[in-house]
Amino acid sequence: MKHLRAQGGPPSTFGNTRLLMPVIDGHRQPHGPYTVGAALLGRLVPQALDRRPELVAAYDIEIRAVAPALADLVPARRVCLDARLPDDERILVPAPRRTLRLANGVAEFVREAVEPGHVLAVCNGDEADPTDAELLDVLMRRIPPDVLTIAVYADGPEPPLDTRDADELWALVDRGVREGFLHAVAELGERALTLVEPGGAPWWRFAQRTATALGGLGRRAEARAVWERARRAGLDPAVHAACAYGLAMLDARDPDPDRRDLGRARGWINQAIAISSLLPDPGQRAFKLGFDRNALALVELREGRLAEALTLVESAIELAGELGDRHPIHRMVLLANRAQLLAAMGRAKEALEDFSAAIAVDPMFPDSYLERGNLLVKLGRHTEALADYESALQVGPPLPEAHYNRAEVRVVQGDHEGALADLARVIELDPSYVDAYINRAGLLAALERDAEARAAAEAGLALAPDNPHLLTVLGQLDTAAGRLPEARRALDLAIEHAPALAAAWGNRGVLRYEAGDPEGAVADLTRAIDLGAEPDLYANRAVALRALGRTAEAEADEARATGP
C-alpha cells in the first residue's frame, strides 16, 4: 500500500479499509491552523496517555501547540518563559520554520503511538491551512504506509458560512502569533481588519500582528501596505513609533542584501527613536526606546559599524534596567545580541558571559544554546559545544540546525559515524537543507564510500543544480571512477558558479593530470593554492611538476606538503 493524494472528494464508503477515525475535513474554516493535526492527536493522545505516558511527555510542546484542546490532559514539561508573560511582554514571533519542527515532532509521536494497519483519510486537502499541508507532507514522508497510510483528497464538503466575529478571530490570531502560524495570522488578520473600527485599539492589535506576520513570510510589499494604513489611521505616538520600527525592519531584516535599503531603514528607525524618547510613561519610554535602539544597532551592524552597534545595544541594556522585573524576554534578546557583537569583535570571554546570562533568563530557549555552542566551537572547546547542542535539542521540538552543527564538531573529533548520523537526521527532518547534503557527500567521499557520496551529491543537486560544492564532490567522484568527461563538466560548472572555491580548482587540477594535461594541472593547482593553501594541493602539484621535469619546484612543493 502507498500513501495517496487524489483529486476530487473521498469515496462514499471505504469497504474493508481500516480507517483510523472518520474522515477528517481538513478545510481551514472554521478551526484554522492544524485542523487535521488537532483531530489526529485528539484520536491518539488519550490512548497513548494510558499505554505510554512517557511518549506523550516527550512531545508535550508539539501536542499542546497543535492541539490546544488537549492542554488539560498533557502537562507542560518544557515551558519557555514567553508562555508565562502578559501579552505586552511577549515580543518574540517564532520563525516560519517552527511549524516544520512541530510537524516533525508530531510525525514521530504518531509513528510510535498508532496501531499499524490503519488509514488516515483527509478531505478538503486543497483548502487546508499551510500548517496542515506541511504536516501531511511530513507524515507521508516520515511514516511508512504499512504503519499508517495517509490518503488526502483534494475536495470535500463546502464549509459553513464563516460567521466568526472579531473576538473569535482574535483568539486565532493571538494563538497564531504565539505559535508561529504566520499564514493564518496574515489571512485572518486581514479579515478582522474589515470588522473593527479603523484606528481603534482592537484594529491596531490586528494591524500590528498582520503586518508582522506578512513580513515574517517575506511578503514585504503587503506588510508595508498594512504599516502605512496604520500610520494613516490615527495619532497615537506609540502606534506611530511601532509602525516606523516595523517599516525599518522590512529593510534591515531582508535576507537579500541587494534589496535592503539601509538608508530608508535608518530613517524610519530614527523616527521611531525620536517618538519613543517623548513617550510620557517612564516604563513604556524605557522599553520602547531600548527596543528601537536595538533595531538601529542592526542597521549599524549591516553597515559594518560594530562599535556603534555595540554602543546602542549597551544603552538599550541600561534602559532595560529601569524596567524592574518586567520584560525579561527583552533583556534576554539584548544580552544575546550583545554577545553576538562581542564575539564578532573578538571579545569571546565577554560574549560567553552574555550568552550564559541570556540562557539564565530562559533556559528553555534553544537559540541561545545554539549561539553559545557555535562560539565554543570557534574557541576549540568542543565538548562544551556538544553539550550546548544537546541542550538545544532537548528543550524544544526537533531542530535540524543543532544536528548540523553537532555533525561539524563530530567530524573534527574524528567521530565520522556520529557526524553522518547527524547529517542524515538533518535531511530526515528537512529534505531541503542543502548544506547537509554538501557535508554528507564530502565526508562520505573522504571516507572513500563513493557510492553513498554520489547518492548524497545527486540528491543535493536535485535541489540545487548549480551548487558548486556538490558539483565539486561529483567531479571528484567521477574522476576517481575514470569518468573524466563527466568530471570535467561538473568541475567547470563549479568554477563558473564559484570562481573562488579552492576545492573546485584543486579537483580540476587532479582531473587534468589524470587526463594527460600536467601543465593544465599545475595551473589549476596553483590557482587553488592561491585561494587556500593545503598540504594536499602542494603534494598534487608536485606530482604534476615532476611529470613536466620541473624537479626543483616539485621538491619545494613536497617540502611544503610535509611541513616543518
Protein backbone atom coordinates (compact mmCIF):
# COMPACT_ATOMS: atom_id res chain seq x y z
CA MET A 1 0.00 0.00 0.00
CA LYS A 2 1.15 3.56 -0.70
CA HIS A 3 0.22 6.99 0.56
CA LEU A 4 -2.37 8.62 -1.65
CA ARG A 5 -3.10 12.09 -2.97
CA ALA A 6 -6.24 12.20 -5.10
CA GLN A 7 -8.29 14.79 -6.93
CA GLY A 8 -11.95 15.00 -6.07
CA GLY A 9 -13.56 14.05 -2.82
CA PRO A 10 -13.26 10.86 -0.76
CA PRO A 11 -15.28 7.76 -1.68
CA SER A 12 -18.68 7.36 -0.09
CA THR A 13 -17.54 4.12 1.54
CA PHE A 14 -14.11 2.66 2.20
CA GLY A 15 -15.09 -1.03 2.09
CA ASN A 16 -12.75 -3.18 4.17
CA THR A 17 -10.28 -0.37 4.72
CA ARG A 18 -9.47 0.08 8.40
CA LEU A 19 -9.92 3.81 8.92
CA LEU A 20 -8.10 5.17 11.94
CA MET A 21 -11.00 7.55 12.52
CA PRO A 22 -13.78 9.15 10.48
CA VAL A 23 -12.59 11.19 7.51
CA ILE A 24 -11.09 14.46 8.74
CA ASP A 25 -12.34 17.58 6.98
CA GLY A 26 -9.09 19.50 6.52
CA HIS A 27 -10.70 22.79 5.49
CA ARG A 28 -9.09 25.62 7.43
CA GLN A 29 -12.52 27.07 8.25
CA PRO A 30 -13.61 27.35 10.97
CA HIS A 31 -10.83 25.93 13.16
CA GLY A 32 -7.79 27.43 11.49
CA PRO A 33 -4.24 26.06 11.83
CA TYR A 34 -3.74 22.35 12.46
CA THR A 35 -7.35 21.36 11.92
CA VAL A 36 -6.07 17.95 10.77
CA GLY A 37 -3.29 17.77 13.33
CA ALA A 38 -5.60 18.51 16.24
CA ALA A 39 -8.11 15.88 15.12
CA LEU A 40 -5.41 13.25 14.67
CA LEU A 41 -3.84 13.94 18.05
CA GLY A 42 -7.27 14.00 19.65
CA ARG A 43 -7.65 10.41 18.47
CA LEU A 44 -4.20 9.17 19.55
CA VAL A 45 -3.15 11.11 22.64
CA PRO A 46 -5.78 9.86 25.14
CA GLN A 47 -4.93 6.25 24.32
CA ALA A 48 -1.21 6.93 24.46
CA LEU A 49 -1.58 8.51 27.89
CA ASP A 50 -2.88 5.19 29.19
CA ARG A 51 -0.30 2.99 27.47
CA ARG A 52 2.81 5.16 27.09
CA PRO A 53 2.60 8.37 29.10
CA GLU A 54 6.35 8.92 28.65
CA LEU A 55 5.81 9.16 24.89
CA VAL A 56 3.23 11.90 25.35
CA ALA A 57 5.55 13.73 27.75
CA ALA A 58 8.38 13.59 25.20
CA TYR A 59 6.28 15.58 22.70
CA ASP A 60 4.44 17.90 25.08
CA ILE A 61 5.33 21.08 23.17
CA GLU A 62 4.20 19.72 19.83
CA ILE A 63 0.94 18.28 21.18
CA ARG A 64 -0.05 21.39 23.11
CA ALA A 65 0.78 23.69 20.17
CA VAL A 66 -1.03 21.63 17.54
CA ALA A 67 -4.00 20.55 19.68
CA PRO A 68 -4.59 23.16 22.42
CA ALA A 69 -7.80 21.38 23.47
CA LEU A 70 -5.56 18.64 24.89
CA ALA A 71 -3.65 21.04 27.15
CA ASP A 72 -5.53 19.88 30.25
CA LEU A 73 -4.54 16.26 29.52
CA VAL A 74 -0.91 16.92 28.60
CA PRO A 75 1.13 18.72 31.26
CA ALA A 76 3.65 21.25 30.01
CA ARG A 77 7.05 19.70 30.69
CA ARG A 78 9.14 22.18 28.67
CA VAL A 79 7.86 25.73 29.04
CA CYS A 80 9.53 28.82 27.60
CA LEU A 81 9.41 31.95 29.71
CA ASP A 82 7.44 33.66 26.95
CA ALA A 83 4.41 31.46 27.68
CA ARG A 84 4.13 32.84 31.23
CA LEU A 85 4.27 36.52 30.33
CA PRO A 86 1.49 39.05 29.69
CA ASP A 87 0.72 39.97 26.11
CA ASP A 88 2.70 43.23 26.06
CA GLU A 89 5.88 41.40 27.15
CA ARG A 90 5.71 38.61 24.54
CA ILE A 91 7.93 40.20 21.92
CA LEU A 92 9.19 37.10 20.11
CA VAL A 93 7.42 35.84 17.00
CA PRO A 94 8.55 32.32 16.06
CA ALA A 95 10.17 31.94 12.65
CA PRO A 96 8.14 30.27 9.90
CA ARG A 97 10.33 27.16 10.18
CA ARG A 98 8.91 26.43 13.63
CA THR A 99 5.91 24.71 12.07
CA LEU A 100 8.25 22.26 10.33
CA ARG A 101 9.75 21.45 13.73
CA LEU A 102 6.27 20.89 15.17
CA ALA A 103 5.29 18.71 12.21
CA ASN A 104 8.36 16.53 12.66
CA GLY A 105 7.64 16.09 16.34
CA VAL A 106 4.03 15.16 15.62
CA ALA A 107 5.11 12.67 12.95
CA GLU A 108 7.49 10.98 15.37
CA PHE A 109 4.77 10.78 18.02
CA VAL A 110 2.20 9.39 15.57
CA ARG A 111 4.65 6.82 14.23
CA GLU A 112 5.19 5.47 17.74
CA ALA A 113 1.63 5.82 19.03
CA VAL A 114 -0.53 4.50 16.20
CA GLU A 115 -1.56 0.87 15.85
CA PRO A 116 -0.24 -0.25 12.44
CA GLY A 117 -2.51 -1.16 9.61
CA HIS A 118 -4.88 1.80 9.53
CA VAL A 119 -5.64 4.54 7.02
CA LEU A 120 -5.90 8.23 7.87
CA ALA A 121 -8.26 9.87 5.38
CA VAL A 122 -8.44 13.64 4.93
CA CYS A 123 -10.73 15.59 2.62
CA ASN A 124 -10.60 19.23 1.50
CA GLY A 125 -6.82 18.93 1.33
CA ASP A 126 -6.62 21.81 -1.15
CA GLU A 127 -8.27 24.12 1.39
CA ALA A 128 -6.10 23.09 4.34
CA ASP A 129 -4.16 25.66 6.32
CA PRO A 130 -0.44 25.66 5.41
CA THR A 131 0.32 24.12 8.81
CA ASP A 132 -1.78 21.08 7.95
CA ALA A 133 -0.49 20.92 4.37
CA GLU A 134 3.06 20.81 5.73
CA LEU A 135 2.10 18.28 8.41
CA LEU A 136 0.55 15.95 5.85
CA ASP A 137 3.69 16.18 3.71
CA VAL A 138 5.85 15.28 6.71
CA LEU A 139 3.55 12.42 7.76
CA MET A 140 3.72 10.96 4.25
CA ARG A 141 7.50 11.32 4.14
CA ARG A 142 8.32 10.00 7.60
CA ILE A 143 5.68 7.35 8.36
CA PRO A 144 5.79 4.15 6.29
CA PRO A 145 2.42 3.27 4.71
CA ASP A 146 2.39 -0.09 6.47
CA VAL A 147 2.40 1.79 9.77
CA LEU A 148 -0.19 4.39 8.79
CA THR A 149 -1.41 5.05 5.26
CA ILE A 150 -2.21 8.69 4.56
CA ALA A 151 -4.93 9.40 1.99
CA VAL A 152 -5.53 13.07 1.14
CA TYR A 153 -8.44 14.04 -1.11
CA ALA A 154 -8.37 17.48 -2.70
CA ASP A 155 -12.09 18.23 -2.40
CA GLY A 156 -14.79 17.83 0.17
CA PRO A 157 -17.95 19.42 1.52
CA GLU A 158 -18.28 23.19 1.50
CA PRO A 159 -17.66 24.67 4.95
CA PRO A 160 -20.45 26.55 6.69
CA LEU A 161 -20.64 30.28 6.10
CA ASP A 162 -17.88 31.95 8.11
CA THR A 163 -19.70 33.87 10.86
CA ARG A 164 -16.73 34.39 13.16
CA ASP A 165 -16.67 37.81 14.80
CA ALA A 166 -13.63 39.90 15.73
CA ASP A 167 -13.31 38.31 19.18
CA GLU A 168 -13.24 34.80 17.71
CA LEU A 169 -10.74 35.86 15.09
CA TRP A 170 -8.60 37.50 17.75
CA ALA A 171 -8.28 34.19 19.61
CA LEU A 172 -6.98 32.53 16.44
CA VAL A 173 -4.69 35.43 15.51
CA ASP A 174 -3.23 35.63 19.01
CA ARG A 175 -2.58 31.89 19.05
CA GLY A 176 -1.03 32.14 15.59
CA VAL A 177 1.41 34.83 16.67
CA ARG A 178 2.43 32.92 19.80
CA GLU A 179 2.96 29.65 17.95
CA GLY A 180 4.31 30.95 14.63
CA PHE A 181 1.30 30.14 12.42
CA LEU A 182 2.03 33.15 10.26
CA HIS A 183 -0.06 32.29 7.21
CA ALA A 184 -3.18 32.09 9.35
CA VAL A 185 -2.31 35.35 11.12
CA ALA A 186 -1.95 37.11 7.77
CA GLU A 187 -5.21 35.72 6.36
CA LEU A 188 -7.36 36.08 9.47
CA GLY A 189 -5.84 39.40 10.45
CA GLU A 190 -6.73 40.93 7.11
CA ARG A 191 -10.29 39.68 7.51
CA ALA A 192 -10.53 41.03 11.05
CA LEU A 193 -9.36 44.48 9.96
CA THR A 194 -12.61 44.81 7.99
CA LEU A 195 -14.70 44.05 11.08
CA VAL A 196 -13.40 46.65 13.56
CA GLU A 197 -13.24 50.42 13.53
CA PRO A 198 -10.02 51.67 11.90
CA GLY A 199 -7.66 53.41 14.28
CA GLY A 200 -9.05 51.92 17.49
CA ALA A 201 -7.11 49.69 19.86
CA PRO A 202 -8.58 46.40 18.51
CA TRP A 203 -7.87 47.47 14.93
CA TRP A 204 -4.27 48.32 15.84
CA ARG A 205 -3.74 44.94 17.52
CA PHE A 206 -4.85 43.18 14.36
CA ALA A 207 -2.84 45.51 12.11
CA GLN A 208 0.38 45.10 14.07
CA ARG A 209 0.17 41.31 14.07
CA THR A 210 -0.91 41.10 10.45
CA ALA A 211 1.97 43.27 9.25
CA THR A 212 4.46 41.35 11.42
CA ALA A 213 3.25 38.03 10.02
CA LEU A 214 3.42 39.27 6.43
CA GLY A 215 6.97 40.48 6.99
CA GLY A 216 7.95 37.16 8.54
CA LEU A 217 6.59 35.36 5.47
CA GLY A 218 8.64 37.55 3.14
CA ARG A 219 5.54 39.31 1.80
CA ARG A 220 7.15 42.69 2.33
CA ALA A 221 5.05 44.78 -0.03
CA GLU A 222 1.86 43.63 1.70
CA ALA A 223 3.40 44.22 5.12
CA ARG A 224 4.48 47.71 4.11
CA ALA A 225 0.93 48.47 2.96
CA VAL A 226 -0.52 47.46 6.36
CA TRP A 227 2.03 49.55 8.26
CA GLU A 228 1.16 52.52 6.03
CA ARG A 229 -2.57 52.01 6.66
CA ALA A 230 -1.88 52.03 10.38
CA ARG A 231 0.12 55.27 10.13
CA ARG A 232 -2.85 56.94 8.43
CA ALA A 233 -5.47 55.59 10.86
CA GLY A 234 -4.67 57.62 13.96
CA LEU A 235 -2.43 59.89 16.01
CA ASP A 236 -1.24 57.63 18.86
CA PRO A 237 2.54 58.26 19.26
CA ALA A 238 3.22 54.69 20.38
CA VAL A 239 1.48 53.36 17.29
CA HIS A 240 3.48 55.64 15.01
CA ALA A 241 6.72 54.56 16.71
CA ALA A 242 5.78 50.90 16.24
CA CYS A 243 4.92 51.49 12.58
CA ALA A 244 8.23 53.22 11.99
CA TYR A 245 10.01 50.29 13.65
CA GLY A 246 8.09 47.78 11.52
CA LEU A 247 8.87 49.63 8.30
CA ALA A 248 12.55 49.85 9.21
CA MET A 249 12.77 46.13 9.85
CA LEU A 250 11.34 45.27 6.44
CA ASP A 251 14.59 46.60 5.00
CA ALA A 252 17.04 45.78 7.78
CA ARG A 253 15.94 42.13 8.01
CA ASP A 254 15.60 41.47 4.31
CA PRO A 255 17.71 38.34 3.68
CA ASP A 256 18.74 39.62 0.25
CA PRO A 257 21.45 42.30 0.66
CA ASP A 258 20.72 43.65 -2.81
CA ARG A 259 17.15 44.51 -1.80
CA ARG A 260 18.00 46.17 1.51
CA ASP A 261 17.65 49.92 1.65
CA LEU A 262 19.57 50.61 4.85
CA GLY A 263 19.27 54.36 4.40
CA ARG A 264 15.49 54.05 4.40
CA ALA A 265 15.67 51.69 7.37
CA ARG A 266 17.79 54.19 9.29
CA GLY A 267 15.35 56.98 8.53
CA TRP A 268 12.39 55.00 9.83
CA ILE A 269 14.14 53.76 12.96
CA ASN A 270 15.41 57.26 13.74
CA GLN A 271 11.80 58.39 13.62
CA ALA A 272 10.79 55.56 15.96
CA ILE A 273 13.51 56.57 18.42
CA ALA A 274 12.53 60.22 18.24
CA ILE A 275 8.90 59.39 19.08
CA SER A 276 9.75 56.83 21.75
CA SER A 277 12.01 59.29 23.55
CA LEU A 278 8.97 61.57 24.04
CA LEU A 279 6.53 59.00 25.41
CA PRO A 280 5.22 60.26 28.78
CA ASP A 281 5.11 56.95 30.67
CA PRO A 282 8.63 56.19 32.04
CA GLY A 283 8.29 52.42 31.77
CA GLN A 284 6.88 52.49 28.26
CA ARG A 285 9.53 55.01 27.25
CA ALA A 286 12.39 52.88 28.63
CA PHE A 287 11.11 49.75 26.92
CA LYS A 288 10.29 51.27 23.56
CA LEU A 289 13.44 53.39 23.40
CA GLY A 290 15.60 50.36 24.18
CA PHE A 291 13.68 48.27 21.68
CA ASP A 292 14.22 50.84 18.94
CA ARG A 293 17.88 51.42 19.74
CA ASN A 294 18.42 47.68 19.44
CA ALA A 295 16.84 47.89 15.98
CA LEU A 296 19.16 50.74 15.00
CA ALA A 297 22.03 48.54 16.13
CA LEU A 298 21.00 46.03 13.46
CA VAL A 299 21.27 48.74 10.82
CA GLU A 300 24.72 49.68 12.12
CA LEU A 301 25.73 46.02 12.04
CA ARG A 302 24.53 45.64 8.45
CA GLU A 303 26.72 48.63 7.56
CA GLY A 304 29.75 47.08 9.26
CA ARG A 305 29.84 49.53 12.18
CA LEU A 306 30.20 47.05 15.04
CA ALA A 307 31.39 49.51 17.66
CA GLU A 308 28.41 51.79 17.06
CA ALA A 309 26.05 48.80 17.16
CA LEU A 310 27.55 47.68 20.48
CA THR A 311 27.12 51.14 21.99
CA LEU A 312 23.43 51.13 21.03
CA VAL A 313 22.79 47.67 22.46
CA GLU A 314 24.55 48.58 25.70
CA SER A 315 22.41 51.69 26.00
CA ALA A 316 19.33 49.50 25.50
CA ILE A 317 20.51 47.15 28.25
CA GLU A 318 20.95 50.13 30.54
CA LEU A 319 17.40 51.28 29.80
CA ALA A 320 16.12 47.74 30.48
CA GLY A 321 17.48 48.12 34.00
CA GLU A 322 14.72 50.70 34.61
CA LEU A 323 12.02 48.10 33.97
CA GLY A 324 12.45 46.09 37.17
CA ASP A 325 11.19 42.53 36.74
CA ARG A 326 9.18 43.38 33.63
CA HIS A 327 10.17 42.48 30.06
CA PRO A 328 12.64 39.64 30.80
CA ILE A 329 12.50 38.43 27.18
CA HIS A 330 13.54 41.89 26.02
CA ARG A 331 16.57 41.67 28.33
CA MET A 332 17.37 38.16 27.08
CA VAL A 333 17.33 39.33 23.46
CA LEU A 334 19.57 42.28 24.26
CA LEU A 335 22.08 40.07 26.08
CA ALA A 336 22.18 37.63 23.17
CA ASN A 337 22.62 40.48 20.68
CA ARG A 338 25.46 41.97 22.69
CA ALA A 339 27.05 38.53 22.89
CA GLN A 340 26.97 38.20 19.10
CA LEU A 341 28.56 41.63 18.66
CA LEU A 342 31.25 40.91 21.25
CA ALA A 343 32.03 37.59 19.57
CA ALA A 344 32.34 39.33 16.19
CA MET A 345 34.75 41.80 17.77
CA GLY A 346 36.93 39.03 19.20
CA ARG A 347 35.86 39.54 22.82
CA ALA A 348 35.00 35.89 23.34
CA LYS A 349 35.09 35.78 27.15
CA GLU A 350 32.58 38.59 27.50
CA ALA A 351 30.44 37.07 24.74
CA LEU A 352 30.27 33.74 26.56
CA GLU A 353 29.24 35.53 29.74
CA ASP A 354 26.39 37.27 27.92
CA PHE A 355 25.21 34.07 26.24
CA SER A 356 25.20 32.38 29.65
CA ALA A 357 23.25 35.28 31.13
CA ALA A 358 20.70 35.01 28.30
CA ILE A 359 20.33 31.30 28.97
CA ALA A 360 19.79 32.00 32.66
CA VAL A 361 16.86 34.27 31.78
CA ASP A 362 15.14 31.47 29.84
CA PRO A 363 16.83 28.06 29.98
CA MET A 364 14.17 26.67 27.63
CA PHE A 365 15.01 28.91 24.67
CA PRO A 366 17.10 26.83 22.21
CA ASP A 367 18.63 29.65 20.16
CA SER A 368 20.90 30.79 22.99
CA TYR A 369 22.38 27.31 23.33
CA LEU A 370 23.00 27.18 19.59
CA GLU A 371 24.76 30.54 19.54
CA ARG A 372 26.89 29.76 22.58
CA GLY A 373 27.74 26.36 21.12
CA ASN A 374 28.87 27.96 17.87
CA LEU A 375 31.18 30.31 19.74
CA LEU A 376 32.59 27.45 21.81
CA VAL A 377 33.41 25.61 18.57
CA LYS A 378 35.39 28.61 17.33
CA LEU A 379 37.31 28.56 20.60
CA GLY A 380 38.10 24.86 20.22
CA ARG A 381 36.00 23.90 23.27
CA HIS A 382 34.26 21.07 21.51
CA THR A 383 32.98 19.08 24.49
CA GLU A 384 31.18 22.13 25.86
CA ALA A 385 29.81 22.94 22.42
CA LEU A 386 28.38 19.43 22.09
CA ALA A 387 26.67 19.86 25.46
CA ASP A 388 25.05 23.09 24.26
CA TYR A 389 23.84 21.49 21.05
CA GLU A 390 22.37 18.64 23.06
CA SER A 391 20.58 21.15 25.30
CA ALA A 392 19.16 22.90 22.24
CA LEU A 393 17.80 19.55 21.08
CA GLN A 394 16.27 18.72 24.44
CA VAL A 395 14.37 21.93 25.19
CA GLY A 396 12.23 22.09 22.05
CA PRO A 397 10.85 20.26 19.02
CA PRO A 398 13.28 18.62 16.54
CA LEU A 399 15.90 21.15 15.47
CA PRO A 400 17.85 20.42 12.27
CA GLU A 401 20.39 23.19 12.89
CA ALA A 402 21.59 21.62 16.14
CA HIS A 403 22.20 18.29 14.43
CA TYR A 404 24.01 20.03 11.58
CA ASN A 405 26.29 21.95 13.94
CA ARG A 406 26.93 18.87 16.06
CA ALA A 407 27.94 16.95 12.94
CA GLU A 408 30.65 19.50 12.20
CA VAL A 409 32.09 19.08 15.71
CA ARG A 410 31.97 15.31 15.42
CA VAL A 411 33.97 15.47 12.19
CA VAL A 412 36.67 17.48 13.97
CA GLN A 413 36.70 14.91 16.78
CA GLY A 414 37.03 12.03 14.33
CA ASP A 415 33.56 10.66 15.06
CA HIS A 416 32.64 10.16 11.42
CA GLU A 417 29.76 7.77 12.00
CA GLY A 418 28.25 10.14 14.55
CA ALA A 419 28.59 13.00 12.09
CA LEU A 420 26.98 11.02 9.30
CA ALA A 421 24.12 10.07 11.60
CA ASP A 422 23.55 13.72 12.49
CA LEU A 423 23.61 14.78 8.85
CA ALA A 424 21.17 12.01 7.95
CA ARG A 425 18.92 13.27 10.74
CA VAL A 426 19.08 16.82 9.32
CA ILE A 427 17.96 15.55 5.92
CA GLU A 428 15.24 13.44 7.51
CA LEU A 429 13.88 16.49 9.33
CA ASP A 430 14.34 18.92 6.43
CA PRO A 431 15.00 17.44 2.99
CA SER A 432 15.60 20.96 1.61
CA TYR A 433 18.68 21.53 3.82
CA VAL A 434 21.25 21.71 1.02
CA ASP A 435 24.27 22.24 3.28
CA ALA A 436 23.60 18.88 4.93
CA TYR A 437 23.90 17.13 1.55
CA ILE A 438 27.14 19.02 0.89
CA ASN A 439 28.74 17.98 4.16
CA ARG A 440 27.44 14.43 3.97
CA ALA A 441 28.64 13.93 0.40
CA GLY A 442 32.02 15.45 1.18
CA LEU A 443 32.54 13.33 4.28
CA LEU A 444 31.49 10.13 2.52
CA ALA A 445 33.87 10.93 -0.35
CA ALA A 446 36.71 11.49 2.12
CA LEU A 447 35.92 8.10 3.66
CA GLU A 448 36.04 6.57 0.15
CA ARG A 449 32.42 5.48 0.40
CA ASP A 450 31.94 6.64 -3.16
CA ALA A 451 28.53 5.14 -3.94
CA GLU A 452 26.97 6.73 -0.87
CA ALA A 453 28.77 10.01 -1.56
CA ARG A 454 27.41 10.06 -5.11
CA ALA A 455 23.88 9.40 -3.86
CA ALA A 456 24.16 12.29 -1.40
CA ALA A 457 25.63 14.64 -4.01
CA GLU A 458 22.99 13.78 -6.59
CA ALA A 459 20.19 14.20 -4.05
CA GLY A 460 21.54 17.63 -3.18
CA LEU A 461 21.94 18.61 -6.82
CA ALA A 462 18.31 17.70 -7.42
CA LEU A 463 17.51 20.57 -5.05
CA ALA A 464 20.31 22.94 -6.09
CA PRO A 465 21.58 22.00 -9.57
CA ASP A 466 24.19 24.77 -9.67
CA ASN A 467 25.62 24.26 -6.20
CA PRO A 468 29.41 24.46 -6.66
CA HIS A 469 30.27 22.38 -3.58
CA LEU A 470 28.09 19.49 -4.70
CA LEU A 471 29.39 19.78 -8.27
CA THR A 472 32.93 19.61 -6.88
CA VAL A 473 32.20 16.41 -4.97
CA LEU A 474 30.55 14.92 -8.05
CA GLY A 475 33.57 15.88 -10.17
CA GLN A 476 35.91 14.30 -7.62
CA LEU A 477 33.89 11.07 -7.65
CA ASP A 478 33.73 10.98 -11.45
CA THR A 479 37.49 11.47 -11.64
CA ALA A 480 38.06 8.57 -9.26
CA ALA A 481 35.70 6.42 -11.35
CA GLY A 482 37.53 7.30 -14.57
CA ARG A 483 34.57 9.23 -15.97
CA LEU A 484 36.77 12.14 -16.99
CA PRO A 485 34.45 13.98 -19.40
CA GLU A 486 31.66 13.95 -16.83
CA ALA A 487 34.08 15.09 -14.15
CA ARG A 488 35.28 17.96 -16.35
CA ARG A 489 31.73 19.16 -16.97
CA ALA A 490 30.93 19.14 -13.25
CA LEU A 491 34.12 20.92 -12.20
CA ASP A 492 33.90 23.51 -14.97
CA LEU A 493 30.39 24.34 -13.75
CA ALA A 494 31.58 24.52 -10.15
CA ILE A 495 34.29 27.02 -11.09
CA GLU A 496 31.87 29.01 -13.24
CA HIS A 497 29.49 29.39 -10.30
CA ALA A 498 32.17 29.87 -7.60
CA PRO A 499 35.48 31.14 -9.05
CA ALA A 500 36.94 31.47 -5.53
CA LEU A 501 36.26 27.85 -4.49
CA ALA A 502 39.70 26.33 -3.96
CA ALA A 503 38.39 22.76 -3.81
CA ALA A 504 36.93 23.04 -7.32
CA TRP A 505 40.25 24.26 -8.78
CA GLY A 506 42.17 21.61 -6.85
CA ASN A 507 39.98 18.78 -8.02
CA ARG A 508 40.07 20.03 -11.60
CA GLY A 509 43.83 20.08 -11.34
CA VAL A 510 43.82 16.40 -10.35
CA LEU A 511 41.43 15.67 -13.21
CA ARG A 512 43.62 17.44 -15.77
CA TYR A 513 46.65 15.46 -14.64
CA GLU A 514 44.68 12.22 -14.99
CA ALA A 515 43.61 13.37 -18.46
CA GLY A 516 47.24 13.81 -19.53
CA ASP A 517 47.46 17.59 -19.15
CA PRO A 518 50.12 18.22 -16.47
CA GLU A 519 50.54 21.88 -17.48
CA GLY A 520 46.83 22.48 -17.00
CA ALA A 521 47.02 20.59 -13.73
CA VAL A 522 49.79 22.87 -12.46
CA ALA A 523 47.80 25.95 -13.47
CA ASP A 524 44.67 24.82 -11.69
CA LEU A 525 46.50 23.62 -8.59
CA THR A 526 48.39 26.90 -8.41
CA ARG A 527 45.11 28.77 -8.50
CA ALA A 528 43.77 26.51 -5.75
CA ILE A 529 46.85 27.18 -3.61
CA ASP A 530 46.46 30.92 -4.12
CA LEU A 531 42.89 30.64 -2.82
CA GLY A 532 43.68 28.43 0.16
CA ALA A 533 46.96 26.59 0.64
CA GLU A 534 46.52 22.99 1.83
CA PRO A 535 49.20 20.27 2.09
CA ASP A 536 47.36 18.01 -0.37
CA LEU A 537 47.40 20.75 -3.01
CA TYR A 538 51.18 21.08 -2.79
CA ALA A 539 51.56 17.30 -2.94
CA ASN A 540 49.37 17.07 -6.03
CA ARG A 541 51.16 19.95 -7.74
CA ALA A 542 54.48 18.29 -7.00
CA VAL A 543 53.36 15.21 -8.94
CA ALA A 544 52.40 17.34 -11.95
CA LEU A 545 55.63 19.35 -11.76
CA ARG A 546 57.72 16.15 -11.80
CA ALA A 547 55.82 14.99 -14.85
CA LEU A 548 56.95 18.21 -16.54
CA GLY A 549 60.55 17.69 -15.45
CA ARG A 550 60.46 20.69 -13.08
CA THR A 551 62.21 18.79 -10.32
CA ALA A 552 63.36 21.66 -8.13
CA GLU A 553 59.87 23.15 -7.97
CA ALA A 554 58.43 19.69 -7.25
CA GLU A 555 60.85 19.19 -4.37
CA ALA A 556 59.89 22.56 -2.93
CA ASP A 557 56.21 21.61 -3.06
CA GLU A 558 56.95 18.25 -1.44
CA ALA A 559 58.67 20.06 1.41
CA ARG A 560 55.64 22.35 1.82
CA ALA A 561 53.31 19.35 1.78
CA THR A 562 55.14 17.57 4.58
CA GLY A 563 55.56 20.77 6.55
CA PRO A 564 58.04 21.52 9.34
